[in-house]
Amino acid sequence: MHDQFDVTLEDQDLLREVELTTNLIIAASETDEHLTAEEIDAILGVARPSAG
């Protein structure tokens, strides 16, 4: 019988997205407060554009 959830992920973009989502879930579960936009950006590895 084929298990529909037994799959191998080979798409590197998808793997990266899963990793980022997992990191967000873990961070959110470790705090009682909402994550700030800055914290989310840091977890995702993005930088906000500088003013000016």
Protein backbone atom coordinates (compact mmCIF):
# COMPACT_ATOMS: atom_id res chain seq x y z
CA MET A 1 0.00 0.00 0.00
CA HIS A 2 1.37 3.41 -1.00
CA ASP A 3 1.79 5.96 1.81
CA GLN A 4 0.96 9.40 0.38
CA PHE A 5 3.01 11.07 3.14
CA ASP A 6 6.18 9.05 2.45
CA VAL A 7 7.76 11.42 -0.03
CA THR A 8 11.26 12.60 -0.72
CA LEU A 9 11.64 16.34 -1.09
CA GLU A 10 14.14 17.15 -3.81
CA ASP A 11 13.17 20.72 -4.58
CA GLN A 12 15.82 22.92 -2.91
CA ASP A 13 13.53 25.97 -2.81
CA LEU A 14 10.82 23.92 -1.11
CA LEU A 15 13.31 22.50 1.39
CA ARG A 16 14.49 26.03 2.26
CA GLU A 17 10.89 27.21 2.69
CA VAL A 18 10.15 24.30 5.01
CA GLU A 19 13.28 25.11 7.03
CA LEU A 20 12.32 28.79 7.35
CA THR A 21 8.76 27.92 8.36
CA THR A 22 10.04 25.44 10.92
CA ASN A 23 12.36 28.08 12.38
CA LEU A 24 9.43 30.50 12.71
CA ILE A 25 7.25 27.87 14.39
CA ILE A 26 9.99 27.01 16.87
CA ALA A 27 10.67 30.66 17.71
CA ALA A 28 6.96 31.38 18.14
CA SER A 29 6.52 28.38 20.41
CA GLU A 30 9.38 29.50 22.67
CA THR A 31 7.85 32.86 23.59
CA ASP A 32 4.67 33.99 25.30
CA GLU A 33 4.64 37.23 23.29
CA HIS A 34 4.08 37.91 19.61
CA LEU A 35 7.21 37.96 17.49
CA THR A 36 8.07 41.45 16.30
CA ALA A 37 8.64 42.19 12.63
CA GLU A 38 12.33 42.62 13.44
CA GLU A 39 12.50 39.21 15.12
CA ILE A 40 10.76 37.57 12.17
CA ASP A 41 13.12 39.29 9.73
CA ALA A 42 16.11 38.03 11.74
CA ILE A 43 14.77 34.46 11.74
CA LEU A 44 14.16 34.63 8.00
CA GLY A 45 17.54 36.24 7.39
CA VAL A 46 16.22 39.35 5.71
CA ALA A 47 17.24 42.93 6.33
CA ARG A 48 14.97 45.92 6.29
CA PRO A 49 15.96 48.68 3.88
CA SER A 50 17.77 51.51 5.61
CA ALA A 51 16.04 54.88 5.76
CA GLY A 52 17.56 57.52 3.60
